C-alpha atoms as a PDB file:
ATOM      1  CA  MET A   1     -29.288  20.035   9.453  1.00  0.00           C
ATOM      2  CA  THR A   2     -26.248  18.629   7.273  1.00  0.00           C
ATOM      3  CA  PHE A   3     -26.878  18.069   3.477  1.00  0.00           C
ATOM      4  CA  CYS A   4     -27.055  14.348   4.507  1.00  0.00           C
ATOM      5  CA  GLU A   5     -29.658  15.310   7.185  1.00  0.00           C
ATOM      6  CA  GLU A   6     -31.925  16.514   5.067  1.00  0.00           C
ATOM      7  CA  VAL A   7     -31.656  14.580   2.030  1.00  0.00           C
ATOM      8  CA  ARG A   8     -32.112  11.346   4.443  1.00  0.00           C
ATOM      9  CA  GLN A   9     -35.530  12.546   5.860  1.00  0.00           C
ATOM     10  CA  GLU A  10     -36.707  13.970   2.822  1.00  0.00           C
ATOM     11  CA  CYS A  11     -36.086  10.195   1.827  1.00  0.00           C
ATOM     12  CA  ASN A  12     -37.745   8.361   4.625  1.00  0.00           C
ATOM     13  CA  ASP A  13     -40.609   7.308   2.983  1.00  0.00           C
ATOM     14  CA  LEU A  14     -38.244   5.068   0.292  1.00  0.00           C
ATOM     15  CA  TRP A  15     -35.977   3.892   3.144  1.00  0.00           C
ATOM     16  CA  GLU A  16     -38.619   2.753   4.851  1.00  0.00           C
ATOM     17  CA  GLY A  17     -40.546   0.858   2.064  1.00  0.00           C
ATOM     18  CA  SER A  18     -37.086  -0.700   1.901  1.00  0.00           C
ATOM     19  CA  PHE A  19     -36.959  -1.790   5.631  1.00  0.00           C
ATOM     20  CA  GLN A  20     -40.265  -2.967   5.774  1.00  0.00           C
ATOM     21  CA  HIS A  21     -39.956  -4.712   2.016  1.00  0.00           C
ATOM     22  CA  PRO A  22     -40.756  -8.399   2.042  1.00  0.00           C
ATOM     23  CA  PHE A  23     -37.328  -9.349   0.746  1.00  0.00           C
ATOM     24  CA  VAL A  24     -35.949  -7.947   3.585  1.00  0.00           C
ATOM     25  CA  LYS A  25     -38.093  -9.274   6.185  1.00  0.00           C
ATOM     26  CA  SER A  26     -38.285 -12.763   5.151  1.00  0.00           C
ATOM     27  CA  LEU A  27     -34.554 -12.958   5.013  1.00  0.00           C
ATOM     28  CA  ALA A  28     -34.756 -11.400   8.857  1.00  0.00           C
ATOM     29  CA  ALA A  29     -36.503 -14.396   9.801  1.00  0.00           C
ATOM     30  CA  GLY A  30     -34.945 -17.039   7.299  1.00  0.00           C
ATOM     31  CA  THR A  31     -37.925 -17.956   5.235  1.00  0.00           C
ATOM     32  CA  LEU A  32     -37.121 -16.178   2.463  1.00  0.00           C
ATOM     33  CA  PRO A  33     -36.731 -18.833  -0.801  1.00  0.00           C
ATOM     34  CA  LEU A  34     -33.909 -19.676  -1.807  1.00  0.00           C
ATOM     35  CA  ASP A  35     -34.622 -19.265  -5.410  1.00  0.00           C
ATOM     36  CA  ILE A  36     -35.190 -15.527  -4.910  1.00  0.00           C
ATOM     37  CA  PHE A  37     -32.152 -14.973  -2.781  1.00  0.00           C
ATOM     38  CA  GLN A  38     -30.243 -17.021  -5.886  1.00  0.00           C
ATOM     39  CA  TYR A  39     -32.163 -14.198  -8.367  1.00  0.00           C
ATOM     40  CA  TYR A  40     -30.841 -11.376  -6.257  1.00  0.00           C
ATOM     41  CA  VAL A  41     -27.424 -12.235  -5.713  1.00  0.00           C
ATOM     42  CA  GLN A  42     -26.844 -12.725  -9.169  1.00  0.00           C
ATOM     43  CA  GLN A  43     -28.090  -9.093 -10.085  1.00  0.00           C
ATOM     44  CA  ASP A  44     -26.335  -7.712  -6.998  1.00  0.00           C
ATOM     45  CA  ALA A  45     -23.089  -9.124  -8.179  1.00  0.00           C
ATOM     46  CA  TYR A  46     -23.780  -7.464 -11.583  1.00  0.00           C
ATOM     47  CA  TYR A  47     -24.685  -4.111  -9.703  1.00  0.00           C
ATOM     48  CA  LEU A  48     -21.581  -4.235  -7.534  1.00  0.00           C
ATOM     49  CA  THR A  49     -19.097  -4.982 -10.765  1.00  0.00           C
ATOM     50  CA  HIS A  50     -20.556  -1.665 -12.036  1.00  0.00           C
ATOM     51  CA  PHE A  51     -20.520   0.000  -8.365  1.00  0.00           C
ATOM     52  CA  ALA A  52     -16.678  -0.711  -7.996  1.00  0.00           C
ATOM     53  CA  LYS A  53     -16.215   0.698 -11.495  1.00  0.00           C
ATOM     54  CA  VAL A  54     -17.884   4.609 -10.202  1.00  0.00           C
ATOM     55  CA  GLN A  55     -16.075   4.598  -7.197  1.00  0.00           C
ATOM     56  CA  ALA A  56     -12.734   4.207  -9.306  1.00  0.00           C
ATOM     57  CA  LEU A  57     -14.331   6.928 -11.394  1.00  0.00           C
ATOM     58  CA  GLY A  58     -14.773   9.066  -8.145  1.00  0.00           C
ATOM     59  CA  ALA A  59     -11.119   8.616  -7.731  1.00  0.00           C
ATOM     60  CA  VAL A  60     -10.327   9.855 -10.454  1.00  0.00           C
ATOM     61  CA  LYS A  61     -12.557  12.930 -10.362  1.00  0.00           C
ATOM     62  CA  ALA A  62     -11.287  13.873  -6.898  1.00  0.00           C
ATOM     63  CA  ASN A  63      -9.413  17.073  -6.905  1.00  0.00           C
ATOM     64  CA  ASP A  64      -6.800  16.302  -4.034  1.00  0.00           C
ATOM     65  CA  LEU A  65      -4.611  13.110  -3.692  1.00  0.00           C
ATOM     66  CA  HIS A  66      -6.080  11.615  -0.573  1.00  0.00           C
ATOM     67  CA  THR A  67      -9.447  11.599  -1.726  1.00  0.00           C
ATOM     68  CA  THR A  68      -8.400   9.850  -4.975  1.00  0.00           C
ATOM     69  CA  GLN A  69      -6.542   7.223  -2.799  1.00  0.00           C
ATOM     70  CA  ARG A  70      -9.786   6.760  -0.422  1.00  0.00           C
ATOM     71  CA  PHE A  71     -11.988   6.224  -3.501  1.00  0.00           C
ATOM     72  CA  ALA A  72      -9.669   4.114  -5.050  1.00  0.00           C
ATOM     73  CA  LYS A  73      -9.591   2.152  -1.729  1.00  0.00           C
ATOM     74  CA  HIS A  74     -13.599   2.263  -1.495  1.00  0.00           C
ATOM     75  CA  ALA A  75     -13.317   0.396  -5.370  1.00  0.00           C
ATOM     76  CA  GLU A  76     -10.756  -2.139  -3.706  1.00  0.00           C
ATOM     77  CA  SER A  77     -12.990  -3.005  -0.795  1.00  0.00           C
ATOM     78  CA  THR A  78     -16.178  -3.630  -3.310  1.00  0.00           C
ATOM     79  CA  CYS A  79     -14.068  -5.955  -5.090  1.00  0.00           C
ATOM     80  CA  ILE A  80     -12.322  -7.874  -2.846  1.00  0.00           C
ATOM     81  CA  ALA A  81     -14.843  -7.946   0.141  1.00  0.00           C
ATOM     82  CA  GLU A  82     -18.536  -7.499  -1.561  1.00  0.00           C
ATOM     83  CA  LEU A  83     -17.605  -9.922  -4.793  1.00  0.00           C
ATOM     84  CA  SER A  84     -15.873 -12.264  -2.165  1.00  0.00           C
ATOM     85  CA  LEU A  85     -19.058 -12.289  -0.469  1.00  0.00           C
ATOM     86  CA  HIS A  86     -20.707 -13.399  -3.752  1.00  0.00           C
ATOM     87  CA  GLU A  87     -18.618 -16.535  -4.561  1.00  0.00           C
ATOM     88  CA  GLN A  88     -19.045 -17.237  -1.360  1.00  0.00           C
ATOM     89  CA  PHE A  89     -23.035 -17.419  -2.025  1.00  0.00           C
ATOM     90  CA  PHE A  90     -22.201 -18.896  -5.414  1.00  0.00           C
ATOM     91  CA  THR A  91     -20.853 -21.839  -4.217  1.00  0.00           C
ATOM     92  CA  MET A  92     -23.553 -22.471  -0.994  1.00  0.00           C
ATOM     93  CA  LEU A  93     -26.303 -21.981  -3.738  1.00  0.00           C
ATOM     94  CA  GLU A  94     -24.387 -24.164  -6.030  1.00  0.00           C
ATOM     95  CA  ILE A  95     -24.810 -21.736  -8.918  1.00  0.00           C
ATOM     96  CA  THR A  96     -23.213 -23.544 -11.987  1.00  0.00           C
ATOM     97  CA  ASP A  97     -21.054 -21.994 -14.690  1.00  0.00           C
ATOM     98  CA  GLU A  98     -23.616 -22.396 -16.854  1.00  0.00           C
ATOM     99  CA  GLU A  99     -25.844 -20.551 -14.898  1.00  0.00           C
ATOM    100  CA  LEU A 100     -23.574 -17.637 -15.102  1.00  0.00           C
ATOM    101  CA  ALA A 101     -23.323 -17.463 -18.699  1.00  0.00           C
ATOM    102  CA  ALA A 102     -26.453 -16.989 -19.180  1.00  0.00           C
ATOM    103  CA  PHE A 103     -26.850 -14.359 -16.605  1.00  0.00           C
ATOM    104  CA  GLU A 104     -28.861 -11.338 -18.146  1.00  0.00           C
ATOM    105  CA  PRO A 105     -28.756  -7.882 -15.870  1.00  0.00           C
ATOM    106  CA  ALA A 106     -32.978  -7.370 -14.972  1.00  0.00           C
ATOM    107  CA  PRO A 107     -34.316  -4.161 -16.120  1.00  0.00           C
ATOM    108  CA  THR A 108     -33.951  -2.472 -12.719  1.00  0.00           C
ATOM    109  CA  ALA A 109     -30.278  -3.621 -12.092  1.00  0.00           C
ATOM    110  CA  TYR A 110     -29.710  -1.918 -15.814  1.00  0.00           C
ATOM    111  CA  GLU A 111     -31.572   1.080 -14.996  1.00  0.00           C
ATOM    112  CA  TYR A 112     -29.750   1.623 -11.691  1.00  0.00           C
ATOM    113  CA  VAL A 113     -26.344   1.229 -12.713  1.00  0.00           C
ATOM    114  CA  SER A 114     -27.135   3.298 -15.862  1.00  0.00           C
ATOM    115  CA  HIS A 115     -28.552   6.021 -13.429  1.00  0.00           C
ATOM    116  CA  MET A 116     -25.220   5.699 -11.708  1.00  0.00           C
ATOM    117  CA  TYR A 117     -22.819   6.038 -14.976  1.00  0.00           C
ATOM    118  CA  ARG A 118     -25.163   8.917 -15.767  1.00  0.00           C
ATOM    119  CA  ALA A 119     -24.988  11.106 -12.654  1.00  0.00           C
ATOM    120  CA  THR A 120     -20.656  10.562 -12.960  1.00  0.00           C
ATOM    121  CA  ASN A 121     -20.438  10.970 -16.367  1.00  0.00           C
ATOM    122  CA  ASN A 122     -22.237  14.300 -16.125  1.00  0.00           C
ATOM    123  CA  GLY A 123     -21.161  15.650 -13.095  1.00  0.00           C
ATOM    124  CA  ASP A 124     -18.390  15.946 -10.460  1.00  0.00           C
ATOM    125  CA  LEU A 125     -17.536  13.867  -7.402  1.00  0.00           C
ATOM    126  CA  ALA A 126     -19.852  15.515  -5.718  1.00  0.00           C
ATOM    127  CA  ASP A 127     -22.627  13.831  -8.230  1.00  0.00           C
ATOM    128  CA  THR A 128     -21.423  10.375  -8.505  1.00  0.00           C
ATOM    129  CA  LEU A 129     -21.419   9.633  -4.540  1.00  0.00           C
ATOM    130  CA  ALA A 130     -24.754  11.343  -3.829  1.00  0.00           C
ATOM    131  CA  ALA A 131     -25.347   8.947  -6.596  1.00  0.00           C
ATOM    132  CA  ILE A 132     -23.740   6.010  -5.011  1.00  0.00           C
ATOM    133  CA  LEU A 133     -23.707   6.599  -1.238  1.00  0.00           C
ATOM    134  CA  PRO A 134     -27.347   5.703  -0.709  1.00  0.00           C
ATOM    135  CA  CYS A 135     -26.681   1.891  -1.330  1.00  0.00           C
ATOM    136  CA  TYR A 136     -23.534   2.224   0.992  1.00  0.00           C
ATOM    137  CA  TRP A 137     -25.795   4.030   3.854  1.00  0.00           C
ATOM    138  CA  LEU A 138     -28.955   1.992   3.677  1.00  0.00           C
ATOM    139  CA  TYR A 139     -27.304  -1.636   3.620  1.00  0.00           C
ATOM    140  CA  TYR A 140     -25.355  -0.479   6.718  1.00  0.00           C
ATOM    141  CA  GLU A 141     -29.398   0.629   8.272  1.00  0.00           C
ATOM    142  CA  ILE A 142     -30.652  -2.412   7.394  1.00  0.00           C
ATOM    143  CA  GLY A 143     -27.714  -4.341   8.526  1.00  0.00           C
ATOM    144  CA  GLU A 144     -28.210  -2.583  12.179  1.00  0.00           C
ATOM    145  CA  ARG A 145     -32.086  -3.002  12.313  1.00  0.00           C
ATOM    146  CA  LEU A 146     -31.107  -7.024  11.745  1.00  0.00           C
ATOM    147  CA  LYS A 147     -28.159  -7.698  13.946  1.00  0.00           C
ATOM    148  CA  ASP A 148     -30.354  -9.272  16.207  1.00  0.00           C
ATOM    149  CA  SER A 149     -32.168 -11.365  14.170  1.00  0.00           C
ATOM    150  CA  LYS A 150     -31.708 -14.982  14.253  1.00  0.00           C
ATOM    151  CA  PRO A 151     -32.413 -16.542  10.614  1.00  0.00           C
ATOM    152  CA  ASN A 152     -30.942 -19.488  11.728  1.00  0.00           C
ATOM    153  CA  HIS A 153     -29.479 -19.979   7.952  1.00  0.00           C
ATOM    154  CA  PRO A 154     -25.899 -20.059   7.118  1.00  0.00           C
ATOM    155  CA  ILE A 155     -26.413 -17.421   3.478  1.00  0.00           C
ATOM    156  CA  TYR A 156     -28.684 -15.295   5.665  1.00  0.00           C
ATOM    157  CA  ASP A 157     -26.650 -14.920   8.741  1.00  0.00           C
ATOM    158  CA  LYS A 158     -23.784 -14.141   6.920  1.00  0.00           C
ATOM    159  CA  TRP A 159     -25.517 -11.848   4.769  1.00  0.00           C
ATOM    160  CA  ILE A 160     -26.755  -9.766   8.111  1.00  0.00           C
ATOM    161  CA  GLN A 161     -23.280  -9.898   9.612  1.00  0.00           C
ATOM    162  CA  THR A 162     -21.621  -8.461   6.492  1.00  0.00           C
ATOM    163  CA  TYR A 163     -23.667  -5.146   6.310  1.00  0.00           C
ATOM    164  CA  GLY A 164     -24.158  -4.606  10.152  1.00  0.00           C
ATOM    165  CA  SER A 165     -20.275  -4.832  10.184  1.00  0.00           C
ATOM    166  CA  GLU A 166     -17.940  -2.198  12.385  1.00  0.00           C
ATOM    167  CA  TRP A 167     -15.974  -2.517   9.556  1.00  0.00           C
ATOM    168  CA  PHE A 168     -18.779  -1.575   7.057  1.00  0.00           C
ATOM    169  CA  GLY A 169     -20.079   1.174   9.523  1.00  0.00           C
ATOM    170  CA  GLU A 170     -17.282   3.096   9.347  1.00  0.00           C
ATOM    171  CA  LEU A 171     -16.639   3.428   5.159  1.00  0.00           C
ATOM    172  CA  VAL A 172     -20.429   4.870   5.458  1.00  0.00           C
ATOM    173  CA  GLU A 173     -19.742   7.509   8.103  1.00  0.00           C
ATOM    174  CA  GLU A 174     -16.626   8.218   5.911  1.00  0.00           C
ATOM    175  CA  GLN A 175     -18.803   8.506   2.864  1.00  0.00           C
ATOM    176  CA  ILE A 176     -21.319  10.451   4.814  1.00  0.00           C
ATOM    177  CA  ASN A 177     -18.852  12.972   6.072  1.00  0.00           C
ATOM    178  CA  ARG A 178     -17.415  13.415   2.653  1.00  0.00           C
ATOM    179  CA  MET A 179     -20.907  14.142   0.837  1.00  0.00           C
ATOM    180  CA  ASN A 180     -21.590  16.912   3.535  1.00  0.00           C
ATOM    181  CA  ASP A 181     -18.297  18.208   2.980  1.00  0.00           C
ATOM    182  CA  LEU A 182     -18.864  18.426  -0.604  1.00  0.00           C
ATOM    183  CA  ALA A 183     -22.218  19.918  -0.390  1.00  0.00           C
ATOM    184  CA  LYS A 184     -21.255  22.666   2.048  1.00  0.00           C
ATOM    185  CA  ASP A 185     -21.908  26.343   0.406  1.00  0.00           C
ATOM    186  CA  LEU A 186     -23.393  24.778  -2.808  1.00  0.00           C
ATOM    187  CA  PRO A 187     -26.232  27.420  -4.314  1.00  0.00           C
ATOM    188  CA  PRO A 188     -30.098  25.835  -3.857  1.00  0.00           C
ATOM    189  CA  ALA A 189     -29.767  24.647  -7.104  1.00  0.00           C
ATOM    190  CA  ARG A 190     -27.029  22.333  -6.732  1.00  0.00           C
ATOM    191  CA  ILE A 191     -28.130  21.106  -3.656  1.00  0.00           C
ATOM    192  CA  GLN A 192     -31.479  20.373  -5.514  1.00  0.00           C
ATOM    193  CA  GLN A 193     -29.372  18.243  -7.873  1.00  0.00           C
ATOM    194  CA  LEU A 194     -27.565  16.189  -5.663  1.00  0.00           C
ATOM    195  CA  LYS A 195     -30.777  15.476  -3.774  1.00  0.00           C
ATOM    196  CA  GLU A 196     -31.858  14.178  -6.992  1.00  0.00           C
ATOM    197  CA  HIS A 197     -29.448  11.849  -7.594  1.00  0.00           C
ATOM    198  CA  PHE A 198     -29.691  10.522  -4.153  1.00  0.00           C
ATOM    199  CA  ARG A 199     -33.721  10.079  -4.480  1.00  0.00           C
ATOM    200  CA  LYS A 200     -32.934   8.333  -7.881  1.00  0.00           C
ATOM    201  CA  SER A 201     -30.681   6.050  -6.433  1.00  0.00           C
ATOM    202  CA  SER A 202     -33.001   5.495  -2.739  1.00  0.00           C
ATOM    203  CA  TYR A 203     -36.122   4.634  -5.357  1.00  0.00           C
ATOM    204  CA  TYR A 204     -33.770   2.047  -7.105  1.00  0.00           C
ATOM    205  CA  GLU A 205     -32.910   0.410  -3.650  1.00  0.00           C
ATOM    206  CA  TRP A 206     -36.723  -0.448  -2.673  1.00  0.00           C
ATOM    207  CA  HIS A 207     -36.778  -1.434  -6.511  1.00  0.00           C
ATOM    208  CA  PHE A 208     -34.302  -3.896  -6.242  1.00  0.00           C
ATOM    209  CA  TRP A 209     -35.672  -5.733  -3.581  1.00  0.00           C
ATOM    210  CA  GLU A 210     -38.994  -5.398  -5.451  1.00  0.00           C
ATOM    211  CA  MET A 211     -36.817  -6.737  -8.667  1.00  0.00           C
ATOM    212  CA  ALA A 212     -35.667  -9.537  -6.578  1.00  0.00           C
ATOM    213  CA  TRP A 213     -39.099 -10.726  -4.884  1.00  0.00           C
ATOM    214  CA  THR A 214     -40.476 -11.205  -8.031  1.00  0.00           C
ATOM    215  CA  LYS A 215     -37.972 -12.427 -10.190  1.00  0.00           C
ATOM    216  CA  GLN A 216     -38.021  -9.337 -12.555  1.00  0.00           C
ATOM    217  CA  GLN A 217     -37.536 -10.102 -16.498  1.00  0.00           C
ATOM    218  CA  TRP A 218     -37.488  -8.545 -19.587  1.00  0.00           C
ATOM    219  CA  THR A 219     -41.437  -8.977 -20.234  1.00  0.00           C
ATOM    220  CA  ILE A 220     -44.495  -6.920 -20.714  1.00  0.00           C
ATOM    221  CA  GLY A 221     -46.772  -9.149 -18.292  1.00  0.00           C
ATOM    222  CA  HIS A 222     -50.483  -9.806 -19.409  1.00  0.00           C
ATOM    223  CA  TYR A 223     -50.136  -7.053 -22.736  1.00  0.00           C
ATOM    224  CA  GLU A 224     -47.711  -9.960 -23.725  1.00  0.00           C
ATOM    225  CA  LYS A 225     -50.471 -12.477 -23.176  1.00  0.00           C
ATOM    226  CA  GLU A 226     -52.752 -10.402 -25.016  1.00  0.00           C
ATOM    227  CA  LEU A 227     -50.648  -9.888 -27.909  1.00  0.00           C
ATOM    228  CA  THR A 228     -49.774 -13.890 -28.444  1.00  0.00           C
ATOM    229  CA  LYS A 229     -54.015 -14.542 -28.522  1.00  0.00           C
END
């Protein structure tokens, strides 16, 4: 098997968790509460701002001009397509400038971004791609699974159409092939490092849905209540 076939199989438990998460299933059914999606889309815009920067760092780490150009193009595509999509959602959800100014990244979003930067800053292009590939790939698989869903909701219909599109699938396939090339003939210890980056990102992908579903805050739950008694 290729590197990507192996690591995808090894992370299937986490990916199935994402496929079955109530956020994803409710979105597909058109029953996801709008306040939860509004929370999600703001956190996702924060995440994608940094995702684009990590893609740009990948361009810097590339060993040839073609790969530099492609990573730069991917970063540009994230800025144009993804953030444009979020701007549409902000308008449709009537998110105010005051709400955006008061935005704070949730713990999971903050941790996921930190993980991507850590993998990138401490490694080479293979480390960078191993850390960001699950975001590409998982969203495409979700888009493919949901493409026949009929939420009958303008926002959720648009979301599914974006991630199940042929254009997005081509970007995903390109990065899967590149990841396999970068991992080819590497020693077992190095392969394991890359798999760990991939699995951590797959873990954070599941937690991103959970973060939105619970509207995660910087609190310590019932322990905080106990402390204030």
